[in-house]
Protein backbone atom coordinates (compact mmCIF):
# COMPACT_ATOMS: atom_id res chain seq x y z
CA MET A 1 0.00 0.00 0.00
CA LEU A 2 2.75 2.45 0.97
CA SER A 3 4.68 1.53 -2.17
CA PHE A 4 1.58 2.32 -4.26
CA ILE A 5 1.19 5.71 -2.52
CA ALA A 6 4.88 6.50 -3.11
CA ASP A 7 4.53 5.63 -6.82
CA LEU A 8 1.40 7.77 -7.07
CA VAL A 9 3.13 10.75 -5.46
CA ALA A 10 6.17 10.29 -7.70
CA LEU A 11 3.86 10.33 -10.75
CA ALA A 12 2.27 13.59 -9.55
CA TYR A 13 5.77 14.99 -9.02
CA GLU A 14 6.76 14.18 -12.59
CA ARG A 15 3.55 15.69 -14.02
CA ILE A 16 3.93 18.94 -12.07
CA PHE A 17 7.66 19.46 -12.60
CA ASN A 18 7.91 17.90 -16.09
CA GLU A 19 10.94 15.84 -15.06
CA LYS A 20 11.77 12.42 -13.70
CA ALA A 21 12.08 12.22 -9.93
CA THR A 22 15.73 12.07 -8.87
CA ALA A 23 16.96 9.45 -6.39
CA GLU A 24 16.93 12.10 -3.64
CA ALA A 25 13.39 13.14 -4.57
CA LYS A 26 12.25 9.50 -4.55
CA ASP A 27 13.72 8.98 -1.06
CA PHE A 28 11.94 12.12 0.13
CA LEU A 29 8.62 11.01 -1.39
CA LYS A 30 8.98 7.49 -0.02
CA THR A 31 9.46 8.82 3.52
CA LEU A 32 6.57 11.23 3.03
CA SER A 33 4.31 8.39 1.84
CA TYR A 34 4.29 6.65 5.23
CA VAL A 35 4.47 9.87 7.27
CA VAL A 36 1.34 11.35 5.66
CA PRO A 37 -1.28 8.64 6.42
CA VAL A 38 -0.29 8.19 10.07
CA MET A 39 0.03 11.90 10.83
CA ALA A 40 -3.20 12.59 8.96
CA PHE A 41 -4.93 10.19 11.36
CA ALA A 42 -3.29 12.00 14.29
CA GLY A 43 -4.42 15.34 12.89
CA LEU A 44 -8.00 14.13 12.50
CA ALA A 45 -8.02 12.82 16.08
CA SER A 46 -6.74 16.19 17.36
CA LEU A 47 -9.35 18.00 15.27
CA ALA A 48 -12.04 15.69 16.64
CA PHE A 49 -10.93 16.62 20.17
CA ASP A 50 -11.27 20.31 19.34
CA VAL A 51 -14.65 19.90 17.66
CA LEU A 52 -15.90 17.92 20.66
CA ALA A 53 -14.53 20.57 23.05
CA GLY A 54 -16.18 23.35 21.07
CA LYS A 55 -19.52 21.54 20.97
CA VAL A 56 -19.56 20.55 24.65
CA LEU A 57 -18.07 23.73 26.15
CA GLY A 58 -19.85 26.22 23.91
CA PRO A 59 -18.17 29.36 22.49
CA GLY A 60 -17.50 30.78 25.99
CA GLY A 61 -15.76 27.74 27.51
CA TYR A 62 -14.06 26.96 24.21
CA GLY A 63 -12.76 30.52 24.16
CA GLU A 64 -11.24 30.07 27.64
CA PHE A 65 -9.54 26.87 26.48
CA ALA A 66 -8.18 28.72 23.43
CA LEU A 67 -6.83 31.48 25.68
CA ALA A 68 -5.06 28.99 27.98
CA GLN A 69 -3.34 27.42 24.98
CA SER A 70 -2.42 30.80 23.44
CA VAL A 71 -0.91 32.09 26.68
CA ALA A 72 1.09 28.86 27.05
CA MET A 73 2.56 29.38 23.58
CA PHE A 74 4.13 32.61 24.85
CA LEU A 75 5.30 31.11 28.14
CA TYR A 76 7.15 28.16 26.61
CA LEU A 77 9.42 30.41 24.53
CA PRO A 78 11.98 31.29 27.23
CA MET A 79 12.05 27.60 28.23
CA LEU A 80 12.82 26.13 24.81
CA LEU A 81 14.52 29.13 23.16
CA GLY A 82 14.75 27.48 19.73
CA PHE A 83 17.18 24.77 20.93
CA ASN A 84 15.03 22.06 19.34
CA THR A 85 15.47 23.61 15.88
CA ALA A 86 19.22 23.92 16.43
CA MET A 87 19.38 20.25 17.49
CA VAL A 88 17.59 19.13 14.31
CA LYS A 89 19.78 21.34 12.13
CA TYR A 90 23.11 19.99 13.44
CA ASN A 91 22.12 16.37 14.09
CA VAL A 92 21.03 15.70 10.51
CA GLU A 93 24.28 17.03 9.07
CA ALA A 94 26.25 13.90 10.02
CA ASP A 95 25.16 10.34 10.83
CA ASP A 96 27.56 10.09 13.77
CA VAL A 97 26.11 8.65 16.99
CA GLU A 98 28.83 10.12 19.21
CA ARG A 99 28.34 13.60 17.78
CA GLN A 100 24.55 13.26 17.99
CA SER A 101 24.75 12.20 21.64
CA LYS A 102 26.82 15.26 22.50
CA ILE A 103 24.37 17.55 20.70
CA ILE A 104 21.31 15.95 22.31
CA SER A 105 22.80 15.95 25.81
CA ALA A 106 23.87 19.60 25.57
CA THR A 107 20.44 20.57 24.23
CA TYR A 108 18.54 18.88 27.06
CA ILE A 109 20.77 20.31 29.78
CA LEU A 110 20.41 23.83 28.39
CA VAL A 111 16.63 23.53 28.02
CA ALA A 112 16.30 22.12 31.55
CA MET A 113 18.22 25.10 32.95
CA PHE A 114 16.17 27.68 31.07
CA THR A 115 12.92 25.91 31.96
CA LEU A 116 13.67 25.94 35.70
CA VAL A 117 14.57 29.63 35.68
CA SER A 118 11.55 30.53 33.53
CA VAL A 119 9.07 28.63 35.70
CA GLY A 120 10.38 30.30 38.85
CA LEU A 121 10.03 33.77 37.33
CA LEU A 122 6.61 33.04 35.84
CA TYR A 123 5.17 31.92 39.17
CA PHE A 124 6.79 34.83 41.06
CA PHE A 125 5.33 37.40 38.65
CA SER A 126 2.09 35.52 37.90
CA ALA A 127 -0.17 38.29 39.25
CA GLN A 128 1.40 40.93 37.01
CA LEU A 129 1.69 38.69 33.95
CA SER A 130 -1.90 37.46 34.16
CA ASN A 131 -2.98 41.11 33.99
CA VAL A 132 -0.80 41.65 30.92
CA PHE A 133 -2.58 38.76 29.17
CA SER A 134 -5.99 39.84 30.54
CA VAL A 135 -6.64 36.40 32.05
CA SER A 136 -7.25 35.06 35.57
CA GLN A 137 -4.34 33.77 37.66
CA LYS A 138 -5.99 30.34 37.61
CA LEU A 139 -5.90 30.26 33.82
CA PHE A 140 -2.34 31.62 33.85
CA HIS A 141 -1.17 28.83 36.18
CA LEU A 142 -2.84 26.23 33.94
CA ALA A 143 -0.93 27.74 31.01
CA ILE A 144 2.42 27.49 32.85
CA VAL A 145 2.00 23.74 33.42
CA PHE A 146 0.88 23.26 29.82
CA ALA A 147 3.97 25.17 28.60
CA ILE A 148 6.29 22.88 30.61
CA LEU A 149 4.71 19.71 29.21
CA PHE A 150 4.70 21.16 25.69
CA VAL A 151 8.46 21.77 25.98
CA LEU A 152 8.95 18.14 27.06
CA TYR A 153 6.90 16.86 24.14
CA THR A 154 8.47 19.21 21.57
CA LEU A 155 12.00 18.37 22.66
CA ALA A 156 11.36 14.61 22.55
CA THR A 157 9.68 14.63 19.14
CA SER A 158 12.29 17.01 17.71
CA THR A 159 14.98 14.58 18.87
CA LEU A 160 13.33 11.80 16.85
CA GLN A 161 13.14 14.14 13.87
CA SER A 162 16.83 15.05 14.23
CA LEU A 163 17.77 11.34 14.24
CA PHE A 164 15.52 10.74 11.23
CA LYS A 165 13.51 8.16 13.20
CA MET A 166 10.41 9.06 11.20
CA LYS A 167 8.41 5.89 11.81
CA THR A 168 8.72 6.27 15.57
CA TYR A 169 7.96 9.97 15.24
CA VAL A 170 4.70 9.48 13.38
CA ILE A 171 3.56 6.61 15.60
CA PHE A 172 3.91 8.79 18.67
CA GLN A 173 2.12 11.65 16.97
CA MET A 174 -0.78 9.21 16.60
CA VAL A 175 -0.43 7.99 20.21
CA CYS A 176 -0.46 11.57 21.51
CA ALA A 177 -3.61 12.42 19.55
CA ALA A 178 -5.32 9.21 20.70
CA ILE A 179 -4.57 10.01 24.37
CA LEU A 180 -5.82 13.57 23.86
CA LEU A 181 -9.17 12.51 22.42
CA SER A 182 -9.80 9.47 24.60
CA SER A 183 -8.96 11.23 27.88
CA PHE A 184 -11.35 14.08 27.07
CA VAL A 185 -14.10 11.60 26.21
CA VAL A 186 -13.55 9.93 29.59
CA PHE A 187 -13.83 13.32 31.34
CA ILE A 188 -17.08 14.07 29.50
CA LEU A 189 -18.57 10.66 30.29
CA SER A 190 -17.67 11.31 33.93
CA GLY A 191 -19.67 14.55 33.84
CA LEU A 192 -16.59 16.84 33.84
CA TYR A 193 -17.39 19.52 31.26
CA SER A 194 -15.38 22.66 32.12
CA PHE A 195 -12.57 24.08 29.98
CA GLU A 196 -10.02 22.96 32.61
CA TYR A 197 -10.63 19.33 31.67
CA ALA A 198 -9.83 20.08 28.03
CA VAL A 199 -6.53 21.51 29.31
CA TYR A 200 -5.96 18.44 31.52
CA SER A 201 -6.41 16.25 28.44
CA MET A 202 -3.57 18.19 26.82
CA TYR A 203 -1.46 17.62 29.95
CA LEU A 204 -2.01 13.87 29.74
CA ALA A 205 -1.32 13.64 26.00
CA TYR A 206 1.87 15.73 25.89
CA GLY A 207 3.20 14.62 29.27
CA ALA A 208 2.75 10.89 28.68
CA THR A 209 4.09 10.96 25.11
CA GLY A 210 7.16 13.01 25.97
CA THR A 211 7.99 10.91 29.05
CA VAL A 212 7.67 7.56 27.26
CA LEU A 213 9.86 8.76 24.39
CA LEU A 214 12.58 9.98 26.74
CA VAL A 215 12.59 6.91 28.99
CA PHE A 216 12.23 4.11 26.45
CA PHE A 217 13.41 5.41 23.07
CA LEU A 218 15.97 8.19 23.57
CA ARG A 219 17.80 7.47 26.84
CA GLY A 220 20.67 5.78 25.02
CA TYR A 221 21.64 9.13 23.46
CA PHE A 222 22.15 10.94 26.77
CA LYS A 223 25.69 11.45 28.10
CA PHE A 224 26.64 12.67 31.57
CA GLY A 225 29.19 15.08 30.16
CA PHE A 226 28.36 18.59 28.95
CA ASP A 227 30.11 19.50 25.69
CA LYS A 228 30.78 23.25 25.93
CA SER A 229 31.76 23.63 22.28
CA TRP A 230 28.44 22.19 21.09
CA ALA A 231 26.61 24.17 23.75
CA ASN A 232 28.10 27.37 22.31
CA ILE A 233 27.17 26.41 18.74
CA LEU A 234 23.62 25.44 19.74
CA THR A 235 23.18 28.60 21.81
CA ARG A 236 24.34 30.85 19.00
CA TYR A 237 21.92 29.27 16.53
CA SER A 238 19.11 29.16 19.09
CA LEU A 239 19.43 32.82 20.02
CA LEU A 240 18.98 33.62 16.34
CA ALA A 241 16.05 31.21 15.99
CA VAL A 242 14.25 32.37 19.15
CA GLY A 243 13.49 35.73 17.54
CA GLY A 244 11.48 33.85 14.96
CA GLY A 245 9.80 31.89 17.75
CA VAL A 246 8.74 35.08 19.52
CA ALA A 247 7.41 36.50 16.27
CA PHE A 248 5.59 33.22 15.55
CA ALA A 249 3.98 33.25 19.00
CA LEU A 250 2.83 36.83 18.42
CA TYR A 251 1.21 36.39 15.03
CA ILE A 252 -0.31 32.98 15.87
CA ASN A 253 -1.66 33.81 19.34
CA ILE A 254 -2.01 37.57 19.78
CA ASP A 255 -5.29 37.52 17.83
CA LYS A 256 -7.05 35.41 20.50
CA ILE A 257 -5.68 37.54 23.32
CA LEU A 258 -6.76 40.80 21.65
CA LEU A 259 -10.16 39.36 20.73
CA ASN A 260 -10.61 38.57 24.42
CA LYS A 261 -9.55 42.13 25.30
CA TYR A 262 -11.80 43.95 22.82
CA MET A 263 -14.64 41.47 22.24
CA ALA A 264 -16.47 38.76 24.23
CA ILE A 265 -14.92 35.44 25.25
CA SER A 266 -17.49 33.70 23.02
CA ASP A 267 -15.96 35.51 20.01
CA VAL A 268 -12.65 33.85 20.86
CA GLY A 269 -14.41 30.48 20.77
CA ILE A 270 -16.03 31.16 17.38
CA TYR A 271 -12.73 32.46 16.01
CA ARG A 272 -10.97 29.28 17.15
CA ALA A 273 -13.61 27.11 15.46
CA TYR A 274 -12.98 28.79 12.09
CA TYR A 275 -9.23 28.83 12.72
CA LEU A 276 -9.10 25.12 13.56
CA THR A 277 -11.16 24.05 10.54
CA SER A 278 -9.00 25.99 8.07
CA ILE A 279 -5.64 27.27 9.28
CA TYR A 280 -5.06 24.39 11.72
CA VAL A 281 -5.85 21.87 8.97
CA ALA A 282 -3.49 23.59 6.51
CA MET A 283 -0.69 23.94 9.06
CA SER A 284 -1.13 20.33 10.20
CA LEU A 285 -0.61 19.28 6.59
CA PHE A 286 2.43 21.53 6.43
CA THR A 287 3.78 20.03 9.67
CA ILE A 288 3.46 16.57 8.15
CA PHE A 289 5.31 17.76 5.07
CA ASN A 290 7.96 19.62 7.08
CA VAL A 291 8.73 16.64 9.31
CA VAL A 292 10.52 15.21 6.27
CA PHE A 293 11.18 18.42 4.31
CA PHE A 294 13.35 20.34 6.81
CA PRO A 295 15.74 17.50 7.78
CA THR A 296 16.03 16.52 4.12
CA VAL A 297 16.80 19.96 2.66
CA SER A 298 19.17 20.67 5.56
CA LYS A 299 21.39 17.96 4.10
CA TYR A 300 21.56 19.60 0.66
CA GLU A 301 24.35 22.07 0.02
CA ASN A 302 22.58 23.47 -3.06
CA LYS A 303 19.06 24.73 -2.24
CA GLY A 304 18.46 26.27 -5.69
CA PRO A 305 16.75 23.25 -7.34
CA VAL A 306 14.44 22.84 -4.33
CA PHE A 307 13.50 26.54 -4.47
CA LYS A 308 12.66 26.29 -8.18
CA ARG A 309 10.50 23.20 -7.61
CA LEU A 310 8.62 25.01 -4.85
CA ASN A 311 7.93 27.91 -7.22
CA LYS A 312 6.35 25.50 -9.71
CA LEU A 313 4.25 23.89 -6.99
CA MET A 314 2.73 27.08 -5.53
CA PRO A 315 0.03 27.74 -8.19
CA TYR A 316 -1.34 24.22 -7.59
CA LEU A 317 -1.45 24.85 -3.83
CA GLY A 318 -3.37 28.09 -4.34
CA GLY A 319 -5.81 26.70 -6.92
CA VAL A 320 -6.71 23.62 -4.90
CA GLY A 321 -6.16 24.93 -1.39
CA LEU A 322 -8.68 27.78 -1.16
CA PRO A 323 -11.83 25.87 -2.22
CA ALA A 324 -10.68 22.88 -0.17
CA MET A 325 -10.40 25.05 2.96
CA VAL A 326 -13.86 26.58 2.45
CA ILE A 327 -15.42 23.12 2.06
CA CYS A 328 -13.51 21.88 5.10
CA GLN A 329 -14.87 24.73 7.24
CA PHE A 330 -18.43 24.17 6.03
CA VAL A 331 -18.31 20.47 6.89
CA PHE A 332 -16.61 20.68 10.30
CA LEU A 333 -18.60 23.67 11.53
CA LYS A 334 -21.70 21.49 11.17
CA PHE A 335 -20.18 19.19 13.79
CA TYR A 336 -19.49 22.13 16.09
CA GLY A 337 -23.24 22.81 16.21
CA VAL A 338 -25.67 25.71 15.75
CA ARG A 339 -23.74 28.00 18.10
CA TYR A 340 -21.02 28.23 15.42
CA PRO A 341 -22.79 29.56 12.29
CA PHE A 342 -21.13 29.28 8.85
CA ASN A 343 -20.32 32.62 7.18
CA LEU A 344 -19.07 32.35 3.58
CA GLY A 345 -17.18 35.66 3.58
CA LEU A 346 -15.39 34.82 6.83
CA SER A 347 -14.69 31.31 5.55
CA VAL A 348 -13.02 32.64 2.38
CA LEU A 349 -10.81 34.94 4.48
CA PHE A 350 -9.73 32.05 6.72
CA GLY A 351 -9.16 29.81 3.68
CA LEU A 352 -6.97 32.45 2.05
CA ALA A 353 -4.98 32.87 5.27
CA ALA A 354 -4.47 29.09 5.47
CA VAL A 355 -3.12 28.84 1.92
CA ILE A 356 -0.78 31.82 2.35
CA MET A 357 0.55 30.42 5.63
CA PHE A 358 1.27 27.04 4.02
CA ILE A 359 3.12 28.66 1.13
CA ASN A 360 5.05 30.87 3.52
CA GLY A 361 6.06 27.87 5.63
CA CYS A 362 7.67 26.17 2.63
CA TYR A 363 9.86 29.17 1.81
CA ALA A 364 10.62 30.01 5.46
CA TRP A 365 11.89 26.55 6.40
CA LEU A 366 13.91 26.31 3.19
CA MET A 367 15.56 29.59 4.19
CA VAL A 368 16.19 28.33 7.75
CA SER A 369 17.86 25.20 6.33
CA LEU A 370 20.71 27.41 5.09
CA GLY A 371 21.98 27.72 8.65
CA GLU A 372 22.74 30.90 10.60
CA ARG A 373 22.51 33.28 7.65
CA GLY A 374 19.14 31.82 6.65
CA VAL A 375 17.87 32.03 10.22
CA ARG A 376 18.80 35.73 10.37
CA VAL A 377 16.75 36.42 7.25
CA ALA A 378 13.78 34.34 8.44
CA VAL A 379 13.81 36.00 11.87
CA LEU A 380 13.86 39.49 10.35
CA CYS A 381 10.98 38.60 8.02
CA ALA A 382 9.04 37.03 10.90
CA ALA A 383 9.56 40.17 13.00
CA VAL A 384 8.07 42.31 10.23
CA CYS A 385 5.14 39.88 9.95
CA ALA A 386 4.56 40.09 13.70
CA ALA A 387 4.70 43.90 13.69
CA VAL A 388 2.20 44.17 10.81
CA ASN A 389 -0.05 41.55 12.38
CA VAL A 390 -0.13 43.07 15.87
CA ALA A 391 -0.64 46.64 14.59
CA LEU A 392 -3.53 45.62 12.33
CA ASN A 393 -5.11 43.48 15.05
CA ILE A 394 -5.15 46.47 17.40
CA VAL A 395 -6.72 48.67 14.71
CA LEU A 396 -9.11 46.23 13.02
CA ILE A 397 -10.50 44.03 15.82
CA PRO A 398 -12.36 46.90 17.54
CA LEU A 399 -13.73 47.97 14.12
CA VAL A 400 -14.78 44.69 12.47
CA GLY A 401 -14.18 41.99 15.08
CA ILE A 402 -13.19 38.49 13.94
CA ALA A 403 -12.76 39.48 10.28
CA GLY A 404 -10.23 42.11 11.34
CA ALA A 405 -8.08 39.48 13.04
CA VAL A 406 -8.03 37.35 9.87
CA VAL A 407 -7.19 40.32 7.61
CA ALA A 408 -4.31 41.17 9.97
CA LEU A 409 -3.04 37.59 9.70
CA ILE A 410 -3.21 37.65 5.88
CA ALA A 411 -1.43 41.01 5.63
CA GLY A 412 1.32 39.91 8.00
CA TYR A 413 2.02 36.69 6.11
CA LEU A 414 1.98 38.42 2.72
CA ALA A 415 4.64 40.80 4.03
CA TYR A 416 6.61 37.85 5.42
CA THR A 417 6.54 35.93 2.14
CA ALA A 418 7.40 38.98 0.02
CA LEU A 419 10.45 39.71 2.16
CA LEU A 420 11.60 36.07 2.01
CA LEU A 421 11.34 36.04 -1.78
CA SER A 422 13.27 39.32 -1.98
CA GLN A 423 16.22 37.34 -0.56
CA ARG A 424 15.91 34.44 -3.01
CA ARG A 425 19.50 34.99 -4.17
CA LEU A 426 20.61 33.24 -0.96
CA LEU A 427 18.59 30.15 -1.87
CA LEU A 428 19.75 30.14 -5.47
CA ALA A 429 23.36 30.55 -4.35
CA GLY A 430 23.32 27.92 -1.65
């Protein structure tokens, strides 16, 4: 079955690019052929969890859950600091177990140190920070715990990605999603309906998956020593990458926080329903693609041919992606229930944002694969995107509500993509 899928994808490749798939392209497509089905199942299970949460909690409770997750995505940044991306970048460059062990051990020690310091500061200043985010201290504390477990999960799965253990990676993506959905169903059947139990389901899924991976699959790569030279290299790359992480957190999560500030909490819930059924779907597909794409292109010294193939692929993504996203929203919003009405104009805006974000992700991660110089460009572009997005959110949300947040997202990503393409000489040169 997987061989048939790989052959089918290779045929599509040859039709789109008008050339035979190279050996490297065939290896990439073969890996992608078994990653896609399993991660698609995981994505559907995660989406089912969200749809169920939205239906059971209603727009108000669903909005609180969305806020807890959005706040956590800011809080985890000083804990992880982009070290996971640095680990993937340098581990895939050489298939050397000793080198990989040094990189992994240094990464985990550094992340553990930053996590401990961050958690201490977050709890000490929780009263002030909860006011900054316009949330209760209870919700803020829930977000801190979620951020810690998300770091654990992200670090463990990134380690698998850096070692190119793709089959294990995708299996645990599926396991995580299964725990997420099943635990929430158990809570509901037990009569536990509040947004906190949706958050607890996330705790169980990320915490269990990350712990099992570390204890049973990755422990052989840990060394007691701390390699200072690799720590310096990883820190230098990570400090460049973290700027992009901060920008990403802003333009992915600031919309929910500002909607909560200027609108009702139920608007946050409705916004998340549209977001999940369009942008989340598109970015989940991109994540599946990038699981193989980033480690693979990081190995190539010459990025030019990859960049040219991406350019040929983009019109197909746009032509198919937008109507697919609108249909996807129409179908899944029916499952959310009558409290989440379908609006065609809003759906088209979200669909457009989803397609643009997917296209941007392809170019951004190709740029990051260049190393430090590519990261600098991507971080600068992401910072511009964040600035445009935040400014337009502040202006447009009070004027037009949810639609304003989507327009701000589209404008920010268009600016991001335009700036990336203005530096295409770097990709063509290396």
